[in-house]
Amino acid sequence: MILRTPRLLLDSLTMDDAPMVLAYRGDPDISRYQGWKPQTIAEVEAFIADQHARAFAQPDGWNQLAIRDAASGELLGDFGIHFPASGEDAIEFGLSLQHGAQGRGYALEAMRAVMGVAFTEWGYRRLVASVDPRNTASVALCRSLGLRQEAHHVESYFFRGEWVDDMVFALLAREWATP
């Protein structure tokens, strides 16, 4: 899948991206709320190889896209899409941005673009996001996109040696207002 926005290009991660992915995904500040924190370049390369071997939009599977600066091609981060299992209808998203790309509206731009495709071209009825409430930037992003908070589960998820809260945000396709 390739998706363009005014400032971004979302496409496949390449092996050339592996050092940058390791740099930002391995950064404790960026990976604090992420499920995947690679330790070695080999781990990142294996992940990228697995993504290339995986068919896009497989039921109950994650696809990870590169988020690039459209003009320079510089890798800014990555965007995960979890396609629901057969019989389910909620698509889930998550993203990570390197430090230099944060606070510039890239997450909002990428999310709007993929949400538009998910609701229109792919025909999904519902979008969900699971967020650690301590991740205030992600909570603010969900709210700015019009997602409503549907739940706040207290100490419901065991993550990296501690019980953490989980906030669930959602939006229905009929509620989606294109920008």
Protein backbone atom coordinates (compact mmCIF):
# COMPACT_ATOMS: atom_id res chain seq x y z
CA MET A 1 0.00 0.00 0.00
CA ILE A 2 1.18 3.50 -0.82
CA LEU A 3 -0.62 6.55 0.49
CA ARG A 4 0.33 10.19 -0.08
CA THR A 5 -0.66 13.28 1.88
CA PRO A 6 0.52 16.85 1.31
CA ARG A 7 3.64 16.26 3.44
CA LEU A 8 3.87 12.50 3.88
CA LEU A 9 4.35 9.25 2.03
CA LEU A 10 3.22 6.03 3.70
CA ASP A 11 4.77 2.96 2.10
CA SER A 12 6.68 -0.22 2.93
CA LEU A 13 9.58 -0.28 5.33
CA THR A 14 12.84 -1.27 3.63
CA MET A 15 16.05 -2.82 4.94
CA ASP A 16 17.66 0.60 4.52
CA ASP A 17 15.23 1.85 7.17
CA ALA A 18 16.42 -0.67 9.77
CA PRO A 19 19.04 1.54 11.51
CA MET A 20 16.59 4.43 11.93
CA VAL A 21 13.81 2.10 13.12
CA LEU A 22 16.19 0.68 15.73
CA ALA A 23 17.23 4.19 16.77
CA TYR A 24 13.76 5.53 17.47
CA ARG A 25 12.00 2.29 18.46
CA GLY A 26 14.87 1.53 20.83
CA ASP A 27 14.68 4.98 22.43
CA PRO A 28 13.12 4.56 25.90
CA ASP A 29 11.14 7.81 25.57
CA ILE A 30 9.55 6.74 22.29
CA SER A 31 9.11 3.05 23.07
CA ARG A 32 7.77 3.58 26.59
CA TYR A 33 4.18 2.81 25.54
CA GLN A 34 4.94 0.60 22.54
CA GLY A 35 4.61 -3.16 22.55
CA TRP A 36 7.70 -3.65 20.39
CA LYS A 37 11.10 -2.40 21.52
CA PRO A 38 13.80 -3.98 19.34
CA GLN A 39 17.22 -4.59 20.84
CA THR A 40 19.31 -5.32 17.73
CA ILE A 41 19.51 -4.43 14.05
CA ALA A 42 18.96 -8.12 13.28
CA GLU A 43 15.65 -8.02 15.13
CA VAL A 44 14.52 -5.01 13.08
CA GLU A 45 15.66 -6.63 9.82
CA ALA A 46 13.72 -9.81 10.70
CA PHE A 47 10.65 -7.69 11.42
CA ILE A 48 10.95 -5.89 8.07
CA ALA A 49 11.47 -9.22 6.25
CA ASP A 50 8.34 -10.60 7.96
CA GLN A 51 6.37 -7.54 6.84
CA HIS A 52 7.49 -8.08 3.23
CA ALA A 53 6.46 -11.75 3.40
CA ARG A 54 3.04 -10.92 4.87
CA ALA A 55 0.09 -10.18 2.60
CA PHE A 56 -1.41 -6.75 3.19
CA ALA A 57 -4.69 -6.69 5.13
CA GLN A 58 -4.63 -10.31 6.29
CA PRO A 59 -7.36 -10.97 8.86
CA ASP A 60 -6.08 -10.73 12.44
CA GLY A 61 -2.71 -9.43 11.30
CA TRP A 62 -0.64 -6.28 11.66
CA ASN A 63 0.92 -4.41 8.76
CA GLN A 64 3.52 -1.77 9.50
CA LEU A 65 4.03 1.11 7.06
CA ALA A 66 6.84 3.61 6.89
CA ILE A 67 5.93 7.25 7.47
CA ARG A 68 8.23 9.33 5.26
CA ASP A 69 8.73 12.97 4.44
CA ALA A 70 7.16 13.20 0.97
CA ALA A 71 9.80 15.60 -0.34
CA SER A 72 13.00 14.00 0.99
CA GLY A 73 11.97 10.38 1.59
CA GLU A 74 13.38 10.60 5.14
CA LEU A 75 11.89 8.02 7.49
CA LEU A 76 9.91 9.85 10.18
CA GLY A 77 8.31 6.84 11.88
CA ASP A 78 6.04 3.91 11.31
CA PHE A 79 2.31 3.26 11.26
CA GLY A 80 0.75 -0.03 12.35
CA ILE A 81 -2.61 -1.25 11.12
CA HIS A 82 -4.29 -4.23 12.74
CA PHE A 83 -6.85 -5.79 10.45
CA PRO A 84 -9.64 -7.55 12.34
CA ALA A 85 -10.20 -11.28 12.38
CA SER A 86 -12.96 -12.62 10.18
CA GLY A 87 -16.36 -11.66 11.54
CA GLU A 88 -15.06 -8.60 13.40
CA ASP A 89 -15.31 -5.10 12.04
CA ALA A 90 -13.02 -2.83 14.08
CA ILE A 91 -9.70 -1.82 12.56
CA GLU A 92 -6.97 -0.65 14.97
CA PHE A 93 -4.10 1.77 14.40
CA GLY A 94 -0.91 2.75 16.19
CA LEU A 95 2.12 4.82 15.26
CA SER A 96 5.57 5.85 16.39
CA LEU A 97 7.52 8.93 15.33
CA GLN A 98 11.18 9.72 15.84
CA HIS A 99 11.87 12.71 18.11
CA GLY A 100 12.53 15.17 15.27
CA ALA A 101 9.14 14.41 13.71
CA GLN A 102 7.08 14.84 16.87
CA GLY A 103 4.97 17.93 17.48
CA ARG A 104 4.73 18.84 13.78
CA GLY A 105 1.27 17.42 12.99
CA TYR A 106 2.57 14.35 11.15
CA ALA A 107 0.68 11.89 13.37
CA LEU A 108 -2.57 13.75 12.79
CA GLU A 109 -1.97 13.92 9.02
CA ALA A 110 -1.08 10.23 8.77
CA MET A 111 -4.01 9.14 10.91
CA ARG A 112 -6.52 11.22 8.94
CA ALA A 113 -5.28 9.75 5.68
CA VAL A 114 -5.42 6.12 6.81
CA MET A 115 -8.75 6.61 8.59
CA GLY A 116 -10.22 8.00 5.36
CA VAL A 117 -9.05 4.97 3.39
CA ALA A 118 -10.21 2.55 6.11
CA PHE A 119 -13.71 3.99 6.18
CA THR A 120 -14.19 4.66 2.47
CA GLU A 121 -12.09 2.31 0.31
CA TRP A 122 -11.73 -0.60 2.74
CA GLY A 123 -15.26 -0.26 4.10
CA TYR A 124 -14.59 -0.67 7.81
CA ARG A 125 -17.39 0.35 10.13
CA ARG A 126 -15.38 1.03 13.27
CA LEU A 127 -11.92 2.19 14.30
CA VAL A 128 -10.43 1.60 17.75
CA ALA A 129 -7.31 2.72 19.57
CA SER A 130 -5.97 1.30 22.82
CA VAL A 131 -3.87 3.88 24.68
CA ASP A 132 -1.98 3.98 27.96
CA PRO A 133 -3.47 7.09 29.65
CA ARG A 134 0.03 8.23 30.65
CA ASN A 135 0.71 8.69 26.92
CA THR A 136 -0.86 12.14 26.89
CA ALA A 137 0.20 12.88 23.29
CA SER A 138 -1.68 9.82 21.99
CA VAL A 139 -4.72 10.61 24.12
CA ALA A 140 -4.74 14.16 22.70
CA LEU A 141 -4.31 12.79 19.15
CA CYS A 142 -7.31 10.47 19.55
CA ARG A 143 -9.45 13.29 20.84
CA SER A 144 -8.37 15.71 18.10
CA LEU A 145 -9.38 13.10 15.51
CA GLY A 146 -12.86 12.93 17.00
CA LEU A 147 -12.48 9.52 18.62
CA ARG A 148 -14.56 9.17 21.75
CA GLN A 149 -13.31 7.54 24.91
CA GLU A 150 -15.35 4.40 25.41
CA ALA A 151 -13.53 2.86 28.34
CA HIS A 152 -10.83 3.31 30.94
CA HIS A 153 -9.78 -0.06 32.27
CA VAL A 154 -7.82 0.26 35.51
CA GLU A 155 -4.69 -1.89 35.83
CA SER A 156 -6.03 -4.21 33.16
CA TYR A 157 -2.88 -4.86 31.16
CA PHE A 158 0.41 -6.34 32.40
CA PHE A 159 3.09 -4.48 30.46
CA ARG A 160 6.84 -4.57 31.07
CA GLY A 161 6.57 -5.78 34.61
CA GLU A 162 3.69 -3.61 35.84
CA TRP A 163 -0.08 -3.45 35.71
CA VAL A 164 -1.13 -0.45 33.61
CA ASP A 165 -4.39 1.22 32.69
CA ASP A 166 -5.84 1.04 29.20
CA MET A 167 -8.05 3.68 27.60
CA VAL A 168 -10.11 2.62 24.60
CA PHE A 169 -11.10 5.19 21.99
CA ALA A 170 -13.35 4.54 18.99
CA LEU A 171 -15.04 6.14 16.01
CA LEU A 172 -17.73 4.83 13.68
CA ALA A 173 -17.56 5.38 9.93
CA ARG A 174 -20.85 7.30 10.04
CA GLU A 175 -19.23 9.71 12.50
CA TRP A 176 -16.20 10.31 10.31
CA ALA A 177 -16.02 13.83 8.92
CA THR A 178 -13.33 14.18 6.30
CA PRO A 179 -11.04 17.17 6.87
